[in-house]
Amino acid sequence: MTIPISDNMRGAAFMSITMAAYVANDTVMKLLSDHLNLYQAMFLRGIFTTMLIGGLCLFKGVLIYRIPKGDRLTISLRLVGEVGGTVFYLTALFHMPIANASAILQALPLAVTLAGAIFLSETVGWRRYLAIISGFLGVLMIVRPGSDGFNEYSMFAVVAVLFIVLRDISTRRLSVGVPSLFISLLTSVAVMSVGALLSLTEEWRPVSFGELSLLAVAALFIIFGYLFSVMAMRIGDISFSSPFRYTILIWAIIIGIVVFGDIPDNWTIMGSLIIVGSGVYTFYRERYVYAKDYGFDDNGTSKRIK
């Protein structure tokens, strides 16, 4: 008998795809930051995203879906988390290096693990609590409040983490029968609507065909991000799939250097290593505790049937 990890492995794969899609979207949106205002770009991208997801929903027959009464509050909280995370993270991304913004966002698995313990009654021992604290210290090394290199927009990325935790925990509490595609459509509509409202506070800039094309590409990437993030949080254990978020950091650093010429400083690199190390340790402890509780040895064989 082996440890049943099929759902966990699928969740990990979905999480890796999610991160690849998000960093690709972030790259395109940051490229547009010199030509379009933040909320203008957010709204226009939302139009493309909503049209594409709406078409998929129509094709799958879930364009109209009656949300169960017990899921309405949960979906509302998820939308608040998604919209808040989008607004604060894009604000940070438009004003700081992509690698730094992504590195701060890597505190998310630790924050989700902590939230899972508090709100979902998932078991978290003192060692993993220490790992979570270490990870947040890594975030402080990147942000460095009060230092000469401090970028106030780093705090926007930190606030984005809190909103995304709300999104992920809410996703976890959704009923199995609620279609992931329909949730993605609601998410896109919410982000588009908020972008439209906030864009009224800015002066609109002319939009070229090339910029519209980039927005359409960003929409494709964000659709993959929406869909696979929902599926990743609904399959397997949060503590198993969450560490695979760190795959985004590798791509963000490479893209930051190659595309934007941003080279992370020593503090950012050290802070990132601490965050990743802390997250990997929480993953290790989760597997160790699972094996211990269910009587598996290091080879994945049940001790109870020997």
C-alpha atoms as a PDB file:
ATOM      1  CA  MET A   1       0.000   0.000   0.000  1.00  0.00           C
ATOM      2  CA  THR A   2       1.362   3.437  -0.925  1.00  0.00           C
ATOM      3  CA  ILE A   3       0.546   6.902   0.329  1.00  0.00           C
ATOM      4  CA  PRO A   4      -2.496   8.174  -1.639  1.00  0.00           C
ATOM      5  CA  ILE A   5      -0.991  11.279  -3.202  1.00  0.00           C
ATOM      6  CA  SER A   6      -2.725  11.392  -6.587  1.00  0.00           C
ATOM      7  CA  ASP A   7      -4.925  14.338  -5.638  1.00  0.00           C
ATOM      8  CA  ASN A   8      -1.965  16.102  -4.061  1.00  0.00           C
ATOM      9  CA  MET A   9       0.163  15.624  -7.171  1.00  0.00           C
ATOM     10  CA  ARG A  10      -2.608  16.967  -9.371  1.00  0.00           C
ATOM     11  CA  GLY A  11      -2.957  19.945  -7.052  1.00  0.00           C
ATOM     12  CA  ALA A  12       0.796  20.545  -7.264  1.00  0.00           C
ATOM     13  CA  ALA A  13       0.704  20.392 -11.079  1.00  0.00           C
ATOM     14  CA  PHE A  14      -2.221  22.808 -11.217  1.00  0.00           C
ATOM     15  CA  MET A  15      -0.388  25.171  -8.858  1.00  0.00           C
ATOM     16  CA  SER A  16       2.736  25.124 -11.054  1.00  0.00           C
ATOM     17  CA  ILE A  17       0.658  25.933 -14.148  1.00  0.00           C
ATOM     18  CA  THR A  18      -1.069  28.712 -12.219  1.00  0.00           C
ATOM     19  CA  MET A  19       2.249  30.317 -11.326  1.00  0.00           C
ATOM     20  CA  ALA A  20       3.554  30.122 -14.890  1.00  0.00           C
ATOM     21  CA  ALA A  21       0.368  31.776 -16.162  1.00  0.00           C
ATOM     22  CA  TYR A  22       0.462  34.507 -13.519  1.00  0.00           C
ATOM     23  CA  VAL A  23       4.097  35.469 -14.107  1.00  0.00           C
ATOM     24  CA  ALA A  24       3.454  35.635 -17.863  1.00  0.00           C
ATOM     25  CA  ASN A  25       0.471  37.906 -17.212  1.00  0.00           C
ATOM     26  CA  ASP A  26       2.526  40.034 -14.810  1.00  0.00           C
ATOM     27  CA  THR A  27       5.221  40.467 -17.448  1.00  0.00           C
ATOM     28  CA  VAL A  28       2.761  41.671 -20.074  1.00  0.00           C
ATOM     29  CA  MET A  29       0.991  44.012 -17.640  1.00  0.00           C
ATOM     30  CA  LYS A  30       4.294  45.520 -16.492  1.00  0.00           C
ATOM     31  CA  LEU A  31       5.301  46.085 -20.126  1.00  0.00           C
ATOM     32  CA  LEU A  32       2.049  48.034 -20.539  1.00  0.00           C
ATOM     33  CA  SER A  33       2.657  50.159 -17.422  1.00  0.00           C
ATOM     34  CA  ASP A  34       4.616  52.737 -19.447  1.00  0.00           C
ATOM     35  CA  HIS A  35       1.742  53.234 -21.877  1.00  0.00           C
ATOM     36  CA  LEU A  36      -1.509  52.722 -19.944  1.00  0.00           C
ATOM     37  CA  ASN A  37      -2.814  53.713 -16.540  1.00  0.00           C
ATOM     38  CA  LEU A  38      -3.199  50.923 -13.986  1.00  0.00           C
ATOM     39  CA  TYR A  39      -6.996  50.785 -13.766  1.00  0.00           C
ATOM     40  CA  GLN A  40      -7.394  51.410 -17.489  1.00  0.00           C
ATOM     41  CA  ALA A  41      -5.239  48.356 -18.195  1.00  0.00           C
ATOM     42  CA  MET A  42      -7.073  46.361 -15.537  1.00  0.00           C
ATOM     43  CA  PHE A  43     -10.461  47.221 -17.061  1.00  0.00           C
ATOM     44  CA  LEU A  44      -9.467  46.575 -20.686  1.00  0.00           C
ATOM     45  CA  ARG A  45      -7.833  43.281 -19.804  1.00  0.00           C
ATOM     46  CA  GLY A  46     -10.996  42.402 -17.884  1.00  0.00           C
ATOM     47  CA  ILE A  47     -13.122  42.894 -21.002  1.00  0.00           C
ATOM     48  CA  PHE A  48     -11.052  40.371 -22.953  1.00  0.00           C
ATOM     49  CA  THR A  49     -10.949  37.976 -20.011  1.00  0.00           C
ATOM     50  CA  THR A  50     -14.689  38.100 -19.361  1.00  0.00           C
ATOM     51  CA  MET A  51     -15.532  37.567 -23.038  1.00  0.00           C
ATOM     52  CA  LEU A  52     -13.219  34.556 -23.304  1.00  0.00           C
ATOM     53  CA  ILE A  53     -14.347  32.920 -20.065  1.00  0.00           C
ATOM     54  CA  GLY A  54     -17.973  33.697 -20.884  1.00  0.00           C
ATOM     55  CA  GLY A  55     -17.549  31.864 -24.186  1.00  0.00           C
ATOM     56  CA  LEU A  56     -16.077  28.863 -22.383  1.00  0.00           C
ATOM     57  CA  CYS A  57     -18.950  28.887 -19.891  1.00  0.00           C
ATOM     58  CA  LEU A  58     -21.470  28.995 -22.740  1.00  0.00           C
ATOM     59  CA  PHE A  59     -19.717  26.081 -24.440  1.00  0.00           C
ATOM     60  CA  LYS A  60     -19.716  24.050 -21.199  1.00  0.00           C
ATOM     61  CA  GLY A  61     -23.295  24.971 -20.345  1.00  0.00           C
ATOM     62  CA  VAL A  62     -22.472  26.768 -17.086  1.00  0.00           C
ATOM     63  CA  LEU A  63     -23.000  30.368 -18.197  1.00  0.00           C
ATOM     64  CA  ILE A  64     -26.077  30.477 -15.969  1.00  0.00           C
ATOM     65  CA  TYR A  65     -25.674  28.715 -12.659  1.00  0.00           C
ATOM     66  CA  ARG A  66     -27.703  29.045  -9.488  1.00  0.00           C
ATOM     67  CA  ILE A  67     -25.273  29.398  -6.614  1.00  0.00           C
ATOM     68  CA  PRO A  68     -26.286  27.286  -3.607  1.00  0.00           C
ATOM     69  CA  LYS A  69     -27.348  29.429  -0.670  1.00  0.00           C
ATOM     70  CA  GLY A  70     -24.597  28.025   1.531  1.00  0.00           C
ATOM     71  CA  ASP A  71     -21.901  29.093  -0.954  1.00  0.00           C
ATOM     72  CA  ARG A  72     -22.993  32.671  -1.587  1.00  0.00           C
ATOM     73  CA  LEU A  73     -21.105  34.272   1.299  1.00  0.00           C
ATOM     74  CA  THR A  74     -18.032  32.165   0.569  1.00  0.00           C
ATOM     75  CA  ILE A  75     -18.008  33.202  -3.100  1.00  0.00           C
ATOM     76  CA  SER A  76     -18.495  36.843  -2.093  1.00  0.00           C
ATOM     77  CA  LEU A  77     -15.472  36.655   0.209  1.00  0.00           C
ATOM     78  CA  ARG A  78     -13.486  35.001  -2.557  1.00  0.00           C
ATOM     79  CA  LEU A  79     -14.322  37.829  -4.952  1.00  0.00           C
ATOM     80  CA  VAL A  80     -13.286  40.420  -2.367  1.00  0.00           C
ATOM     81  CA  GLY A  81      -9.996  38.597  -1.949  1.00  0.00           C
ATOM     82  CA  GLU A  82      -9.406  38.330  -5.713  1.00  0.00           C
ATOM     83  CA  VAL A  83     -10.247  41.962  -6.445  1.00  0.00           C
ATOM     84  CA  GLY A  84      -8.245  43.276  -3.500  1.00  0.00           C
ATOM     85  CA  GLY A  85      -5.277  41.091  -4.381  1.00  0.00           C
ATOM     86  CA  THR A  86      -5.401  42.213  -8.019  1.00  0.00           C
ATOM     87  CA  VAL A  87      -5.591  45.933  -7.237  1.00  0.00           C
ATOM     88  CA  PHE A  88      -2.838  45.950  -4.621  1.00  0.00           C
ATOM     89  CA  TYR A  89      -0.509  43.583  -6.457  1.00  0.00           C
ATOM     90  CA  LEU A  90      -0.797  45.365  -9.814  1.00  0.00           C
ATOM     91  CA  THR A  91      -0.176  48.673  -8.043  1.00  0.00           C
ATOM     92  CA  ALA A  92       3.015  47.222  -6.590  1.00  0.00           C
ATOM     93  CA  LEU A  93       3.991  45.609  -9.902  1.00  0.00           C
ATOM     94  CA  PHE A  94       3.620  48.887 -11.813  1.00  0.00           C
ATOM     95  CA  HIS A  95       6.043  50.644  -9.431  1.00  0.00           C
ATOM     96  CA  MET A  96       8.692  48.082  -8.438  1.00  0.00           C
ATOM     97  CA  PRO A  97      10.813  45.289  -9.983  1.00  0.00           C
ATOM     98  CA  ILE A  98       8.840  42.174 -10.904  1.00  0.00           C
ATOM     99  CA  ALA A  99      11.256  39.920  -8.978  1.00  0.00           C
ATOM    100  CA  ASN A 100      10.786  41.913  -5.744  1.00  0.00           C
ATOM    101  CA  ALA A 101       6.994  41.936  -6.033  1.00  0.00           C
ATOM    102  CA  SER A 102       6.957  38.209  -6.794  1.00  0.00           C
ATOM    103  CA  ALA A 103       9.338  37.474  -3.926  1.00  0.00           C
ATOM    104  CA  ILE A 104       7.045  39.183  -1.414  1.00  0.00           C
ATOM    105  CA  LEU A 105       4.139  37.223  -2.819  1.00  0.00           C
ATOM    106  CA  GLN A 106       6.015  34.020  -1.975  1.00  0.00           C
ATOM    107  CA  ALA A 107       5.043  34.520   1.664  1.00  0.00           C
ATOM    108  CA  LEU A 108       1.612  33.392   0.503  1.00  0.00           C
ATOM    109  CA  PRO A 109       2.106  29.621   1.074  1.00  0.00           C
ATOM    110  CA  LEU A 110       3.186  30.330   4.651  1.00  0.00           C
ATOM    111  CA  ALA A 111       0.248  32.662   5.180  1.00  0.00           C
ATOM    112  CA  VAL A 112      -2.140  30.099   3.661  1.00  0.00           C
ATOM    113  CA  THR A 113      -0.728  27.381   5.924  1.00  0.00           C
ATOM    114  CA  LEU A 114      -1.280  29.625   8.938  1.00  0.00           C
ATOM    115  CA  ALA A 115      -4.800  30.510   7.784  1.00  0.00           C
ATOM    116  CA  GLY A 116      -5.533  26.826   7.147  1.00  0.00           C
ATOM    117  CA  ALA A 117      -4.619  26.086  10.754  1.00  0.00           C
ATOM    118  CA  ILE A 118      -6.762  28.928  12.086  1.00  0.00           C
ATOM    119  CA  PHE A 119      -9.840  28.683   9.844  1.00  0.00           C
ATOM    120  CA  LEU A 120      -9.824  25.105   8.519  1.00  0.00           C
ATOM    121  CA  SER A 121      -8.509  23.348  11.651  1.00  0.00           C
ATOM    122  CA  GLU A 122      -5.573  21.855   9.737  1.00  0.00           C
ATOM    123  CA  THR A 123      -2.827  20.521  11.987  1.00  0.00           C
ATOM    124  CA  VAL A 124       0.248  22.773  12.236  1.00  0.00           C
ATOM    125  CA  GLY A 125       2.951  21.991  14.804  1.00  0.00           C
ATOM    126  CA  TRP A 126       5.370  24.356  16.524  1.00  0.00           C
ATOM    127  CA  ARG A 127       8.125  23.643  13.987  1.00  0.00           C
ATOM    128  CA  ARG A 128       5.979  24.851  11.128  1.00  0.00           C
ATOM    129  CA  TYR A 129       4.940  27.897  13.135  1.00  0.00           C
ATOM    130  CA  LEU A 130       8.636  28.720  13.485  1.00  0.00           C
ATOM    131  CA  ALA A 131       9.042  28.245   9.733  1.00  0.00           C
ATOM    132  CA  ILE A 132       6.151  30.653   9.133  1.00  0.00           C
ATOM    133  CA  ILE A 133       7.765  33.266  11.394  1.00  0.00           C
ATOM    134  CA  SER A 134      11.085  32.807   9.564  1.00  0.00           C
ATOM    135  CA  GLY A 135       9.328  33.284   6.242  1.00  0.00           C
ATOM    136  CA  PHE A 136       7.786  36.543   7.345  1.00  0.00           C
ATOM    137  CA  LEU A 137      11.213  37.719   8.507  1.00  0.00           C
ATOM    138  CA  GLY A 138      12.359  36.985   4.957  1.00  0.00           C
ATOM    139  CA  VAL A 139       9.611  39.293   3.699  1.00  0.00           C
ATOM    140  CA  LEU A 140      10.881  42.044   5.996  1.00  0.00           C
ATOM    141  CA  MET A 141      14.369  41.599   4.521  1.00  0.00           C
ATOM    142  CA  ILE A 142      12.927  42.250   1.067  1.00  0.00           C
ATOM    143  CA  VAL A 143      10.702  45.146   2.112  1.00  0.00           C
ATOM    144  CA  ARG A 144      13.261  46.688   4.537  1.00  0.00           C
ATOM    145  CA  PRO A 145      10.975  49.407   5.955  1.00  0.00           C
ATOM    146  CA  GLY A 146      12.895  52.499   6.974  1.00  0.00           C
ATOM    147  CA  SER A 147      15.966  51.705   4.840  1.00  0.00           C
ATOM    148  CA  ASP A 148      17.308  53.776   1.948  1.00  0.00           C
ATOM    149  CA  GLY A 149      16.236  51.083  -0.497  1.00  0.00           C
ATOM    150  CA  PHE A 150      12.679  50.972   0.828  1.00  0.00           C
ATOM    151  CA  ASN A 151       9.958  51.163  -1.818  1.00  0.00           C
ATOM    152  CA  GLU A 152       6.634  52.100  -0.273  1.00  0.00           C
ATOM    153  CA  TYR A 153       4.882  50.057  -2.931  1.00  0.00           C
ATOM    154  CA  SER A 154       6.340  46.943  -1.301  1.00  0.00           C
ATOM    155  CA  MET A 155       3.632  47.331   1.316  1.00  0.00           C
ATOM    156  CA  PHE A 156       1.022  47.088  -1.434  1.00  0.00           C
ATOM    157  CA  ALA A 157       2.429  43.652  -2.278  1.00  0.00           C
ATOM    158  CA  VAL A 158       2.206  42.663   1.408  1.00  0.00           C
ATOM    159  CA  VAL A 159      -1.453  43.743   1.562  1.00  0.00           C
ATOM    160  CA  ALA A 160      -2.061  41.794  -1.656  1.00  0.00           C
ATOM    161  CA  VAL A 161      -0.856  38.660   0.145  1.00  0.00           C
ATOM    162  CA  LEU A 162      -3.536  39.117   2.812  1.00  0.00           C
ATOM    163  CA  PHE A 163      -6.271  39.454   0.204  1.00  0.00           C
ATOM    164  CA  ILE A 164      -5.068  36.409  -1.724  1.00  0.00           C
ATOM    165  CA  VAL A 165      -5.087  34.358   1.480  1.00  0.00           C
ATOM    166  CA  LEU A 166      -8.762  35.296   1.852  1.00  0.00           C
ATOM    167  CA  ARG A 167      -9.328  34.205  -1.745  1.00  0.00           C
ATOM    168  CA  ASP A 168      -7.613  30.834  -1.332  1.00  0.00           C
ATOM    169  CA  ILE A 169      -9.183  29.946   1.993  1.00  0.00           C
ATOM    170  CA  SER A 170     -12.627  30.884   0.639  1.00  0.00           C
ATOM    171  CA  THR A 171     -12.003  28.717  -2.423  1.00  0.00           C
ATOM    172  CA  ARG A 172     -11.188  25.825  -0.136  1.00  0.00           C
ATOM    173  CA  ARG A 173     -14.558  26.126   1.590  1.00  0.00           C
ATOM    174  CA  LEU A 174     -16.640  26.049  -1.610  1.00  0.00           C
ATOM    175  CA  SER A 175     -18.904  23.090  -2.285  1.00  0.00           C
ATOM    176  CA  VAL A 176     -17.511  20.542  -4.726  1.00  0.00           C
ATOM    177  CA  GLY A 177     -20.458  20.980  -7.089  1.00  0.00           C
ATOM    178  CA  VAL A 178     -19.805  24.672  -7.852  1.00  0.00           C
ATOM    179  CA  PRO A 179     -18.157  24.757 -11.341  1.00  0.00           C
ATOM    180  CA  SER A 180     -14.608  26.151 -11.319  1.00  0.00           C
ATOM    181  CA  LEU A 181     -15.275  27.784 -14.694  1.00  0.00           C
ATOM    182  CA  PHE A 182     -18.278  29.675 -13.331  1.00  0.00           C
ATOM    183  CA  ILE A 183     -16.219  30.876 -10.347  1.00  0.00           C
ATOM    184  CA  SER A 184     -13.582  32.118 -12.784  1.00  0.00           C
ATOM    185  CA  LEU A 185     -16.266  34.018 -14.734  1.00  0.00           C
ATOM    186  CA  LEU A 186     -17.529  35.725 -11.576  1.00  0.00           C
ATOM    187  CA  THR A 187     -13.940  36.599 -10.685  1.00  0.00           C
ATOM    188  CA  SER A 188     -13.288  38.143 -14.090  1.00  0.00           C
ATOM    189  CA  VAL A 189     -16.508  40.157 -14.019  1.00  0.00           C
ATOM    190  CA  ALA A 190     -15.708  41.459 -10.523  1.00  0.00           C
ATOM    191  CA  VAL A 191     -12.148  42.500 -11.443  1.00  0.00           C
ATOM    192  CA  MET A 192     -13.360  44.123 -14.683  1.00  0.00           C
ATOM    193  CA  SER A 193     -16.136  46.042 -12.885  1.00  0.00           C
ATOM    194  CA  VAL A 194     -13.835  47.393 -10.186  1.00  0.00           C
ATOM    195  CA  GLY A 195     -11.279  48.326 -12.835  1.00  0.00           C
ATOM    196  CA  ALA A 196     -13.981  50.217 -14.757  1.00  0.00           C
ATOM    197  CA  LEU A 197     -15.030  52.181 -11.673  1.00  0.00           C
ATOM    198  CA  LEU A 198     -11.487  53.026 -10.601  1.00  0.00           C
ATOM    199  CA  SER A 199     -10.478  53.983 -14.144  1.00  0.00           C
ATOM    200  CA  LEU A 200     -12.844  56.958 -13.833  1.00  0.00           C
ATOM    201  CA  THR A 201     -10.389  58.440 -11.328  1.00  0.00           C
ATOM    202  CA  GLU A 202      -7.581  58.485 -13.933  1.00  0.00           C
ATOM    203  CA  GLU A 203      -7.028  60.248 -17.228  1.00  0.00           C
ATOM    204  CA  TRP A 204      -7.386  57.724 -20.021  1.00  0.00           C
ATOM    205  CA  ARG A 205      -4.507  57.348 -22.460  1.00  0.00           C
ATOM    206  CA  PRO A 206      -4.837  56.480 -26.166  1.00  0.00           C
ATOM    207  CA  VAL A 207      -4.701  52.723 -26.781  1.00  0.00           C
ATOM    208  CA  SER A 208      -2.912  51.387 -29.872  1.00  0.00           C
ATOM    209  CA  PHE A 209      -3.621  48.114 -31.664  1.00  0.00           C
ATOM    210  CA  GLY A 210      -0.352  46.695 -30.317  1.00  0.00           C
ATOM    211  CA  GLU A 211      -1.380  47.493 -26.745  1.00  0.00           C
ATOM    212  CA  LEU A 212      -4.801  45.916 -27.280  1.00  0.00           C
ATOM    213  CA  SER A 213      -3.054  42.815 -28.594  1.00  0.00           C
ATOM    214  CA  LEU A 214      -0.881  42.647 -25.473  1.00  0.00           C
ATOM    215  CA  LEU A 215      -3.967  43.023 -23.288  1.00  0.00           C
ATOM    216  CA  ALA A 216      -5.591  40.108 -25.117  1.00  0.00           C
ATOM    217  CA  VAL A 217      -2.475  38.003 -24.496  1.00  0.00           C
ATOM    218  CA  ALA A 218      -2.517  38.981 -20.813  1.00  0.00           C
ATOM    219  CA  ALA A 219      -6.188  37.957 -20.699  1.00  0.00           C
ATOM    220  CA  LEU A 220      -5.330  34.490 -21.997  1.00  0.00           C
ATOM    221  CA  PHE A 221      -2.670  34.043 -19.335  1.00  0.00           C
ATOM    222  CA  ILE A 222      -4.890  35.311 -16.527  1.00  0.00           C
ATOM    223  CA  ILE A 223      -7.673  32.922 -17.589  1.00  0.00           C
ATOM    224  CA  PHE A 224      -5.305  30.005 -17.132  1.00  0.00           C
ATOM    225  CA  GLY A 225      -4.321  31.500 -13.783  1.00  0.00           C
ATOM    226  CA  TYR A 226      -7.941  31.842 -12.642  1.00  0.00           C
ATOM    227  CA  LEU A 227      -8.956  28.346 -13.705  1.00  0.00           C
ATOM    228  CA  PHE A 228      -5.968  26.449 -12.375  1.00  0.00           C
ATOM    229  CA  SER A 229      -5.787  28.427  -9.107  1.00  0.00           C
ATOM    230  CA  VAL A 230      -9.368  27.386  -8.335  1.00  0.00           C
ATOM    231  CA  MET A 231      -8.664  23.757  -9.216  1.00  0.00           C
ATOM    232  CA  ALA A 232      -5.374  23.725  -7.279  1.00  0.00           C
ATOM    233  CA  MET A 233      -7.061  24.909  -4.080  1.00  0.00           C
ATOM    234  CA  ARG A 234      -9.891  22.369  -4.405  1.00  0.00           C
ATOM    235  CA  ILE A 235      -7.731  19.270  -4.909  1.00  0.00           C
ATOM    236  CA  GLY A 236      -5.492  17.643  -2.292  1.00  0.00           C
ATOM    237  CA  ASP A 237      -3.992  19.319   0.759  1.00  0.00           C
ATOM    238  CA  ILE A 238      -3.259  23.045   0.831  1.00  0.00           C
ATOM    239  CA  SER A 239       0.055  22.443   2.582  1.00  0.00           C
ATOM    240  CA  PHE A 240       1.142  20.078  -0.219  1.00  0.00           C
ATOM    241  CA  SER A 241       0.300  22.237  -3.235  1.00  0.00           C
ATOM    242  CA  SER A 242       1.140  25.653  -1.757  1.00  0.00           C
ATOM    243  CA  PRO A 243       4.971  25.299  -1.874  1.00  0.00           C
ATOM    244  CA  PHE A 244       4.766  24.876  -5.640  1.00  0.00           C
ATOM    245  CA  ARG A 245       3.953  28.562  -5.807  1.00  0.00           C
ATOM    246  CA  TYR A 246       7.700  29.122  -5.514  1.00  0.00           C
ATOM    247  CA  THR A 247       8.149  28.162  -9.148  1.00  0.00           C
ATOM    248  CA  ILE A 248       7.019  31.697  -9.996  1.00  0.00           C
ATOM    249  CA  LEU A 249      10.086  33.173  -8.299  1.00  0.00           C
ATOM    250  CA  ILE A 250      12.488  31.471 -10.702  1.00  0.00           C
ATOM    251  CA  TRP A 251      10.662  32.833 -13.718  1.00  0.00           C
ATOM    252  CA  ALA A 252      10.210  36.292 -12.170  1.00  0.00           C
ATOM    253  CA  ILE A 253      13.948  36.676 -11.529  1.00  0.00           C
ATOM    254  CA  ILE A 254      14.872  35.497 -15.048  1.00  0.00           C
ATOM    255  CA  ILE A 255      12.263  37.724 -16.710  1.00  0.00           C
ATOM    256  CA  GLY A 256      13.213  40.667 -14.484  1.00  0.00           C
ATOM    257  CA  ILE A 257      16.816  40.441 -15.620  1.00  0.00           C
ATOM    258  CA  VAL A 258      16.255  39.614 -19.306  1.00  0.00           C
ATOM    259  CA  VAL A 259      13.200  41.765 -20.064  1.00  0.00           C
ATOM    260  CA  PHE A 260      13.432  44.662 -17.603  1.00  0.00           C
ATOM    261  CA  GLY A 261      17.119  44.680 -16.651  1.00  0.00           C
ATOM    262  CA  ASP A 262      16.290  44.469 -12.936  1.00  0.00           C
ATOM    263  CA  ILE A 263      18.952  42.628 -10.949  1.00  0.00           C
ATOM    264  CA  PRO A 264      17.830  41.663  -7.408  1.00  0.00           C
ATOM    265  CA  ASP A 265      20.056  43.010  -4.625  1.00  0.00           C
ATOM    266  CA  ASN A 266      21.591  40.818  -1.919  1.00  0.00           C
ATOM    267  CA  TRP A 267      18.813  41.548   0.597  1.00  0.00           C
ATOM    268  CA  THR A 268      16.138  40.475  -1.885  1.00  0.00           C
ATOM    269  CA  ILE A 269      18.020  37.290  -2.738  1.00  0.00           C
ATOM    270  CA  MET A 270      18.615  36.383   0.930  1.00  0.00           C
ATOM    271  CA  GLY A 271      15.022  37.167   1.867  1.00  0.00           C
ATOM    272  CA  SER A 272      13.747  35.076  -1.028  1.00  0.00           C
ATOM    273  CA  LEU A 273      15.912  32.117   0.008  1.00  0.00           C
ATOM    274  CA  ILE A 274      14.607  32.329   3.572  1.00  0.00           C
ATOM    275  CA  ILE A 275      10.990  32.454   2.371  1.00  0.00           C
ATOM    276  CA  VAL A 276      11.469  29.528   0.017  1.00  0.00           C
ATOM    277  CA  GLY A 277      13.386  27.534   2.622  1.00  0.00           C
ATOM    278  CA  SER A 278      10.656  28.117   5.187  1.00  0.00           C
ATOM    279  CA  GLY A 279       7.970  27.086   2.723  1.00  0.00           C
ATOM    280  CA  VAL A 280       9.807  23.923   1.697  1.00  0.00           C
ATOM    281  CA  TYR A 281      10.220  23.009   5.352  1.00  0.00           C
ATOM    282  CA  THR A 282       6.474  23.362   5.982  1.00  0.00           C
ATOM    283  CA  PHE A 283       5.966  20.981   3.053  1.00  0.00           C
ATOM    284  CA  TYR A 284       8.462  18.502   4.523  1.00  0.00           C
ATOM    285  CA  ARG A 285       6.800  18.606   7.946  1.00  0.00           C
ATOM    286  CA  GLU A 286       3.374  18.052   6.369  1.00  0.00           C
ATOM    287  CA  ARG A 287       4.568  14.892   4.651  1.00  0.00           C
ATOM    288  CA  TYR A 288       6.364  13.718   7.814  1.00  0.00           C
ATOM    289  CA  VAL A 289       3.307  14.235  10.009  1.00  0.00           C
ATOM    290  CA  TYR A 290       1.064  12.537   7.444  1.00  0.00           C
ATOM    291  CA  ALA A 291       3.315   9.481   7.260  1.00  0.00           C
ATOM    292  CA  LYS A 292       3.593   9.309  11.047  1.00  0.00           C
ATOM    293  CA  ASP A 293      -0.139   9.651  11.646  1.00  0.00           C
ATOM    294  CA  TYR A 294      -1.079   7.019   9.074  1.00  0.00           C
ATOM    295  CA  GLY A 295       1.739   4.587   9.784  1.00  0.00           C
ATOM    296  CA  PHE A 296       3.859   4.842   6.616  1.00  0.00           C
ATOM    297  CA  ASP A 297       7.608   4.283   6.519  1.00  0.00           C
ATOM    298  CA  ASP A 298      10.125   6.291   4.468  1.00  0.00           C
ATOM    299  CA  ASN A 299       9.387   4.156   1.372  1.00  0.00           C
ATOM    300  CA  GLY A 300       5.674   4.916   1.547  1.00  0.00           C
ATOM    301  CA  THR A 301       4.759   1.424   2.724  1.00  0.00           C
ATOM    302  CA  SER A 302       2.171   1.057   5.452  1.00  0.00           C
ATOM    303  CA  LYS A 303       3.653  -0.273   8.677  1.00  0.00           C
ATOM    304  CA  ARG A 304       0.215  -1.456   9.688  1.00  0.00           C
ATOM    305  CA  ILE A 305       0.121  -4.209   7.058  1.00  0.00           C
ATOM    306  CA  LYS A 306       3.659  -5.561   7.527  1.00  0.00           C
END
